[in-house]
């Protein structure tokens, strides 16, 4: 897993660093609901957080799967 903010790589880690394994998370979730093609499951970050501001662009890349890109439009 790679996370970049405005093109700068800020996190590089592996899914085996998650508190619960990916398969365990999917088994738990699907015991309560049905997942459909295109659904996104957010499992949290296995490492530190990085501050972002309105206008930043955050990219999450999972090798062999693709890149999810999100602009930060507002903050709580």
N, C-alpha and C. Protein backbone atom coordinates (compact mmCIF):
# COMPACT_ATOMS: atom_id res chain seq x y z
N UNK A 1 0.85 -1.17 0.00
CA UNK A 1 0.00 0.00 0.00
C UNK A 1 0.90 1.23 0.00
N UNK A 2 0.61 2.15 -0.92
CA UNK A 2 1.33 3.41 -0.99
C UNK A 2 0.31 4.54 -0.85
N UNK A 3 0.63 5.53 -0.04
CA UNK A 3 -0.22 6.72 0.06
C UNK A 3 0.64 7.92 -0.30
N UNK A 4 0.13 8.74 -1.22
CA UNK A 4 0.82 9.96 -1.64
C UNK A 4 -0.09 11.14 -1.40
N UNK A 5 0.49 12.25 -1.00
CA UNK A 5 -0.22 13.51 -0.87
C UNK A 5 0.46 14.50 -1.79
N UNK A 6 -0.29 15.00 -2.76
CA UNK A 6 0.24 15.93 -3.77
C UNK A 6 1.48 15.37 -4.46
N UNK A 7 1.45 14.06 -4.74
CA UNK A 7 2.54 13.41 -5.46
C UNK A 7 3.71 12.99 -4.59
N UNK A 8 3.68 13.33 -3.31
CA UNK A 8 4.77 12.96 -2.39
C UNK A 8 4.36 11.71 -1.61
N UNK A 9 5.13 10.63 -1.74
CA UNK A 9 4.82 9.39 -1.03
C UNK A 9 5.03 9.60 0.47
N UNK A 10 3.95 9.38 1.25
CA UNK A 10 4.03 9.61 2.70
C UNK A 10 3.87 8.31 3.50
N UNK A 11 3.35 7.26 2.88
CA UNK A 11 3.20 5.97 3.55
C UNK A 11 3.52 4.87 2.56
N UNK A 12 4.30 3.91 3.01
CA UNK A 12 4.54 2.70 2.23
C UNK A 12 4.50 1.56 3.23
N UNK A 13 3.54 0.65 3.06
CA UNK A 13 3.36 -0.44 4.02
C UNK A 13 2.73 -1.63 3.32
N UNK A 14 2.31 -2.61 4.08
CA UNK A 14 1.72 -3.82 3.53
C UNK A 14 0.42 -4.12 4.25
N UNK A 15 -0.50 -4.80 3.56
CA UNK A 15 -1.77 -5.17 4.19
C UNK A 15 -1.56 -6.12 5.37
N UNK A 16 -0.42 -6.80 5.44
CA UNK A 16 -0.19 -7.68 6.58
C UNK A 16 0.10 -6.91 7.86
N UNK A 17 0.20 -5.58 7.77
CA UNK A 17 0.41 -4.72 8.94
C UNK A 17 -0.92 -4.30 9.57
N UNK A 18 -2.05 -4.60 8.93
CA UNK A 18 -3.35 -4.22 9.47
C UNK A 18 -3.65 -4.99 10.74
N UNK A 19 -4.42 -4.39 11.65
CA UNK A 19 -4.75 -5.04 12.92
C UNK A 19 -5.49 -6.35 12.69
N UNK A 20 -6.41 -6.36 11.75
CA UNK A 20 -7.11 -7.59 11.35
C UNK A 20 -6.79 -7.84 9.90
N UNK A 21 -6.57 -9.08 9.53
CA UNK A 21 -6.26 -9.39 8.15
C UNK A 21 -7.39 -9.00 7.21
N UNK A 22 -7.06 -8.80 5.95
CA UNK A 22 -8.05 -8.39 4.95
C UNK A 22 -9.16 -9.44 4.87
N UNK A 23 -8.80 -10.70 4.81
CA UNK A 23 -9.81 -11.76 4.72
C UNK A 23 -10.71 -11.76 5.96
N UNK A 24 -10.12 -11.60 7.15
CA UNK A 24 -10.92 -11.55 8.37
C UNK A 24 -11.91 -10.39 8.34
N UNK A 25 -11.45 -9.23 7.84
CA UNK A 25 -12.34 -8.07 7.76
C UNK A 25 -13.50 -8.33 6.81
N UNK A 26 -13.19 -8.94 5.66
CA UNK A 26 -14.25 -9.22 4.68
C UNK A 26 -15.25 -10.24 5.21
N UNK A 27 -14.77 -11.26 5.90
CA UNK A 27 -15.66 -12.27 6.48
C UNK A 27 -16.59 -11.61 7.50
N UNK A 28 -16.03 -10.76 8.35
CA UNK A 28 -16.83 -10.06 9.36
C UNK A 28 -17.89 -9.17 8.71
N UNK A 29 -17.47 -8.36 7.75
CA UNK A 29 -18.40 -7.43 7.09
C UNK A 29 -19.52 -8.18 6.38
N UNK A 30 -19.16 -9.23 5.65
CA UNK A 30 -20.18 -9.95 4.87
C UNK A 30 -21.07 -10.82 5.74
N UNK A 31 -20.77 -10.94 7.01
CA UNK A 31 -21.71 -11.63 7.91
C UNK A 31 -22.88 -10.72 8.24
N UNK A 32 -22.74 -9.41 8.00
CA UNK A 32 -23.79 -8.43 8.27
C UNK A 32 -24.42 -7.83 7.02
N UNK A 33 -23.68 -7.83 5.90
CA UNK A 33 -24.19 -7.19 4.70
C UNK A 33 -23.59 -7.84 3.46
N UNK A 34 -24.22 -7.62 2.34
CA UNK A 34 -23.74 -8.13 1.07
C UNK A 34 -22.88 -7.06 0.39
N UNK A 35 -21.71 -7.46 -0.06
CA UNK A 35 -20.87 -6.55 -0.83
C UNK A 35 -21.13 -6.78 -2.31
N UNK A 36 -21.20 -5.70 -3.06
CA UNK A 36 -21.46 -5.77 -4.49
C UNK A 36 -20.25 -5.29 -5.26
N UNK A 37 -20.14 -5.67 -6.54
CA UNK A 37 -19.03 -5.18 -7.35
C UNK A 37 -18.97 -3.65 -7.30
N UNK A 38 -17.79 -3.13 -7.09
CA UNK A 38 -17.61 -1.68 -7.00
C UNK A 38 -17.64 -1.15 -5.58
N UNK A 39 -18.11 -1.95 -4.61
CA UNK A 39 -18.09 -1.50 -3.21
C UNK A 39 -16.65 -1.32 -2.76
N UNK A 40 -16.43 -0.33 -1.90
CA UNK A 40 -15.11 -0.07 -1.35
C UNK A 40 -15.18 -0.30 0.15
N UNK A 41 -14.26 -1.09 0.67
CA UNK A 41 -14.18 -1.36 2.10
C UNK A 41 -12.98 -0.60 2.65
N UNK A 42 -13.23 0.29 3.60
CA UNK A 42 -12.16 1.06 4.21
C UNK A 42 -11.74 0.37 5.50
N UNK A 43 -10.51 -0.10 5.52
CA UNK A 43 -10.04 -0.88 6.66
C UNK A 43 -9.10 -0.13 7.57
N UNK A 44 -8.91 1.14 7.34
CA UNK A 44 -8.01 1.91 8.18
C UNK A 44 -6.60 1.91 7.64
N UNK A 45 -5.73 2.59 8.35
CA UNK A 45 -4.33 2.71 7.94
C UNK A 45 -3.46 1.90 8.88
N UNK A 46 -2.57 1.08 8.34
CA UNK A 46 -1.71 0.29 9.21
C UNK A 46 -0.55 1.08 9.80
N UNK A 47 -0.35 2.31 9.39
CA UNK A 47 0.76 3.11 9.93
C UNK A 47 0.30 4.52 10.25
N UNK A 48 1.24 5.40 10.48
CA UNK A 48 0.96 6.76 10.93
C UNK A 48 0.08 7.54 9.95
N UNK A 49 -0.48 8.62 10.48
CA UNK A 49 -1.30 9.51 9.67
C UNK A 49 -0.45 10.66 9.16
N UNK A 50 -0.94 11.34 8.14
CA UNK A 50 -0.24 12.47 7.55
C UNK A 50 -1.24 13.61 7.42
N UNK A 51 -0.90 14.83 7.85
CA UNK A 51 -1.86 15.94 7.77
C UNK A 51 -2.15 16.34 6.33
N UNK A 52 -3.41 16.65 6.06
CA UNK A 52 -3.81 17.13 4.74
C UNK A 52 -4.60 18.43 4.91
N UNK A 53 -4.65 19.19 3.83
CA UNK A 53 -5.39 20.46 3.82
C UNK A 53 -6.31 20.50 2.62
N UNK A 54 -7.31 21.37 2.68
CA UNK A 54 -8.20 21.57 1.55
C UNK A 54 -7.37 21.91 0.33
N UNK A 55 -7.65 21.23 -0.78
CA UNK A 55 -6.91 21.44 -2.01
C UNK A 55 -5.87 20.36 -2.28
N UNK A 56 -5.49 19.61 -1.23
CA UNK A 56 -4.54 18.52 -1.43
C UNK A 56 -5.20 17.38 -2.21
N UNK A 57 -4.38 16.58 -2.86
CA UNK A 57 -4.85 15.39 -3.57
C UNK A 57 -4.17 14.18 -2.93
N UNK A 58 -4.98 13.24 -2.45
CA UNK A 58 -4.47 12.04 -1.80
C UNK A 58 -4.68 10.85 -2.73
N UNK A 59 -3.63 10.07 -2.92
CA UNK A 59 -3.71 8.87 -3.75
C UNK A 59 -3.35 7.66 -2.91
N UNK A 60 -4.17 6.63 -3.02
CA UNK A 60 -3.92 5.34 -2.37
C UNK A 60 -3.69 4.32 -3.47
N UNK A 61 -2.52 3.69 -3.47
CA UNK A 61 -2.21 2.70 -4.49
C UNK A 61 -1.99 1.34 -3.85
N UNK A 62 -2.65 0.34 -4.38
CA UNK A 62 -2.41 -1.04 -3.97
C UNK A 62 -1.86 -1.76 -5.19
N UNK A 63 -0.63 -2.24 -5.05
CA UNK A 63 0.07 -2.87 -6.16
C UNK A 63 -0.78 -3.99 -6.76
N UNK A 64 -0.91 -3.97 -8.08
CA UNK A 64 -1.68 -4.97 -8.79
C UNK A 64 -3.17 -4.71 -8.82
N UNK A 65 -3.64 -3.69 -8.07
CA UNK A 65 -5.07 -3.38 -8.04
C UNK A 65 -5.38 -2.05 -8.69
N UNK A 66 -4.62 -1.02 -8.36
CA UNK A 66 -4.85 0.29 -8.96
C UNK A 66 -4.67 1.42 -7.98
N UNK A 67 -5.09 2.61 -8.41
CA UNK A 67 -4.94 3.83 -7.62
C UNK A 67 -6.30 4.47 -7.40
N UNK A 68 -6.57 4.86 -6.15
CA UNK A 68 -7.77 5.62 -5.80
C UNK A 68 -7.31 7.03 -5.48
N UNK A 69 -7.82 8.02 -6.21
CA UNK A 69 -7.40 9.40 -6.04
C UNK A 69 -8.55 10.23 -5.50
N UNK A 70 -8.28 11.00 -4.45
CA UNK A 70 -9.31 11.83 -3.83
C UNK A 70 -8.78 13.23 -3.57
N UNK A 71 -9.46 14.26 -4.09
CA UNK A 71 -9.11 15.63 -3.71
C UNK A 71 -9.75 15.95 -2.35
N UNK A 72 -9.04 16.71 -1.53
CA UNK A 72 -9.60 17.14 -0.26
C UNK A 72 -10.37 18.43 -0.50
N UNK A 73 -11.69 18.36 -0.37
CA UNK A 73 -12.55 19.51 -0.66
C UNK A 73 -13.00 20.24 0.59
N UNK A 74 -13.04 19.54 1.72
CA UNK A 74 -13.38 20.18 2.98
C UNK A 74 -12.87 19.31 4.12
N UNK A 75 -12.74 19.90 5.27
CA UNK A 75 -12.31 19.18 6.47
C UNK A 75 -13.34 19.39 7.56
N UNK A 76 -13.46 18.41 8.46
CA UNK A 76 -14.44 18.56 9.54
C UNK A 76 -14.10 19.69 10.48
